[in-house]
């Protein structure tokens, strides 16, 4: 299963096969930063929402 995922990530250009593992490519780092920013935004949004009424 892991090899399938790594192959897909390599084919997408998000990781490279290196001597010490699978480092992120520039695109992989950019995507990671965007996902982290989205996570921060989602957490902020959920904290500001009013509690659901019963």
N, C-alpha and C. Protein backbone atom coordinates (compact mmCIF):
# COMPACT_ATOMS: atom_id res chain seq x y z
N UNK A 1 0.83 -1.19 0.00
CA UNK A 1 0.00 0.00 0.00
C UNK A 1 0.87 1.26 0.00
N UNK A 2 1.90 1.26 0.84
CA UNK A 2 2.79 2.42 0.90
C UNK A 2 3.45 2.69 -0.44
N UNK A 3 3.90 1.63 -1.10
CA UNK A 3 4.55 1.81 -2.40
C UNK A 3 3.61 2.40 -3.43
N UNK A 4 2.34 2.03 -3.37
CA UNK A 4 1.34 2.57 -4.29
C UNK A 4 1.18 4.07 -4.05
N UNK A 5 1.10 4.46 -2.77
CA UNK A 5 0.95 5.88 -2.43
C UNK A 5 2.18 6.69 -2.85
N UNK A 6 3.36 6.14 -2.57
CA UNK A 6 4.58 6.84 -2.95
C UNK A 6 4.71 6.98 -4.46
N UNK A 7 4.32 5.95 -5.18
CA UNK A 7 4.36 6.03 -6.65
C UNK A 7 3.43 7.13 -7.14
N UNK A 8 2.24 7.21 -6.57
CA UNK A 8 1.29 8.25 -6.97
C UNK A 8 1.83 9.64 -6.66
N UNK A 9 2.46 9.80 -5.50
CA UNK A 9 3.04 11.09 -5.13
C UNK A 9 4.21 11.46 -6.04
N UNK A 10 5.02 10.47 -6.41
CA UNK A 10 6.13 10.72 -7.35
C UNK A 10 5.58 11.11 -8.72
N UNK A 11 4.58 10.39 -9.20
CA UNK A 11 3.98 10.70 -10.49
C UNK A 11 3.33 12.06 -10.52
N UNK A 12 2.81 12.50 -9.38
CA UNK A 12 2.20 13.83 -9.27
C UNK A 12 3.25 14.93 -9.12
N UNK A 13 4.51 14.52 -8.94
CA UNK A 13 5.57 15.51 -8.80
C UNK A 13 5.66 16.12 -7.41
N UNK A 14 5.13 15.44 -6.40
CA UNK A 14 5.12 15.99 -5.04
C UNK A 14 6.27 15.50 -4.19
N UNK A 15 6.84 14.33 -4.53
CA UNK A 15 8.01 13.80 -3.83
C UNK A 15 9.00 13.25 -4.84
N UNK A 16 10.25 13.18 -4.43
CA UNK A 16 11.31 12.55 -5.21
C UNK A 16 11.78 11.33 -4.45
N UNK A 17 12.31 10.36 -5.15
CA UNK A 17 12.94 9.21 -4.50
C UNK A 17 14.40 9.59 -4.26
N UNK A 18 14.78 9.70 -2.99
CA UNK A 18 16.14 10.09 -2.65
C UNK A 18 16.87 9.00 -1.89
N UNK A 19 18.14 9.21 -1.65
CA UNK A 19 18.95 8.23 -0.92
C UNK A 19 18.47 8.06 0.52
N UNK A 20 17.91 9.10 1.09
CA UNK A 20 17.49 9.05 2.50
C UNK A 20 15.97 9.09 2.65
N UNK A 21 15.26 8.67 1.62
CA UNK A 21 13.80 8.66 1.72
C UNK A 21 13.15 9.35 0.54
N UNK A 22 12.06 9.99 0.81
CA UNK A 22 11.26 10.64 -0.22
C UNK A 22 11.04 12.11 0.12
N UNK A 23 11.99 12.97 -0.22
CA UNK A 23 11.83 14.39 0.11
C UNK A 23 10.77 15.05 -0.77
N UNK A 24 10.17 16.07 -0.23
CA UNK A 24 9.19 16.83 -1.00
C UNK A 24 9.88 17.61 -2.10
N UNK A 25 9.21 17.74 -3.22
CA UNK A 25 9.67 18.61 -4.29
C UNK A 25 9.21 20.03 -3.96
N UNK A 26 9.56 20.98 -4.78
CA UNK A 26 9.09 22.36 -4.58
C UNK A 26 7.57 22.40 -4.62
N UNK A 27 6.96 21.68 -5.57
CA UNK A 27 5.50 21.62 -5.63
C UNK A 27 4.92 20.97 -4.38
N UNK A 28 5.58 19.94 -3.87
CA UNK A 28 5.12 19.29 -2.65
C UNK A 28 5.17 20.23 -1.45
N UNK A 29 6.25 21.00 -1.35
CA UNK A 29 6.35 21.98 -0.25
C UNK A 29 5.29 23.07 -0.38
N UNK A 30 5.06 23.54 -1.60
CA UNK A 30 4.04 24.56 -1.83
C UNK A 30 2.66 24.04 -1.46
N UNK A 31 2.35 22.83 -1.89
CA UNK A 31 1.06 22.24 -1.55
C UNK A 31 0.91 22.07 -0.04
N UNK A 32 1.97 21.62 0.62
CA UNK A 32 1.93 21.46 2.07
C UNK A 32 1.64 22.77 2.78
N UNK A 33 2.26 23.85 2.32
CA UNK A 33 2.02 25.17 2.92
C UNK A 33 0.58 25.60 2.71
N UNK A 34 0.03 25.33 1.54
CA UNK A 34 -1.36 25.71 1.26
C UNK A 34 -2.34 24.89 2.10
N UNK A 35 -2.05 23.63 2.29
CA UNK A 35 -2.92 22.78 3.11
C UNK A 35 -2.87 23.23 4.57
N UNK A 36 -1.68 23.57 5.06
CA UNK A 36 -1.58 24.06 6.44
C UNK A 36 -2.34 25.37 6.62
N UNK A 37 -2.26 26.27 5.64
CA UNK A 37 -2.99 27.53 5.72
C UNK A 37 -4.50 27.28 5.71
N UNK A 38 -4.95 26.34 4.92
CA UNK A 38 -6.36 25.99 4.89
C UNK A 38 -6.81 25.40 6.22
N UNK A 39 -5.95 24.59 6.84
CA UNK A 39 -6.26 24.02 8.15
C UNK A 39 -6.42 25.11 9.20
N UNK A 40 -5.53 26.08 9.18
CA UNK A 40 -5.62 27.20 10.13
C UNK A 40 -6.92 27.96 9.91
N UNK A 41 -7.27 28.22 8.65
CA UNK A 41 -8.50 28.94 8.33
C UNK A 41 -9.72 28.14 8.78
N UNK A 42 -9.72 26.84 8.55
CA UNK A 42 -10.86 26.00 8.94
C UNK A 42 -11.04 26.00 10.45
N UNK A 43 -9.94 25.89 11.20
CA UNK A 43 -10.04 25.91 12.66
C UNK A 43 -10.56 27.25 13.16
N UNK A 44 -10.10 28.34 12.57
CA UNK A 44 -10.58 29.66 12.95
C UNK A 44 -12.07 29.79 12.67
N UNK A 45 -12.47 29.33 11.51
CA UNK A 45 -13.87 29.42 11.12
C UNK A 45 -14.77 28.63 12.07
N UNK A 46 -14.34 27.41 12.43
CA UNK A 46 -15.18 26.60 13.30
C UNK A 46 -15.27 27.19 14.71
N UNK A 47 -14.23 27.85 15.16
CA UNK A 47 -14.26 28.47 16.50
C UNK A 47 -15.17 29.69 16.52
N UNK A 48 -15.36 30.36 15.40
CA UNK A 48 -16.18 31.56 15.36
C UNK A 48 -17.65 31.26 15.08
N UNK A 49 -17.97 30.05 14.71
CA UNK A 49 -19.36 29.70 14.42
C UNK A 49 -20.16 29.60 15.71
N UNK A 50 -21.39 30.01 15.67
CA UNK A 50 -22.22 29.86 16.88
C UNK A 50 -22.49 28.38 17.14
N UNK A 51 -22.67 28.08 18.40
CA UNK A 51 -22.99 26.71 18.79
C UNK A 51 -24.35 26.33 18.20
N UNK A 52 -24.49 25.10 17.76
CA UNK A 52 -25.80 24.68 17.19
C UNK A 52 -26.87 24.68 18.28
N UNK A 53 -28.06 25.06 17.88
CA UNK A 53 -29.17 25.07 18.86
C UNK A 53 -29.74 23.65 18.96
N UNK A 54 -30.22 23.36 20.13
CA UNK A 54 -30.74 22.00 20.40
C UNK A 54 -32.11 21.80 19.87
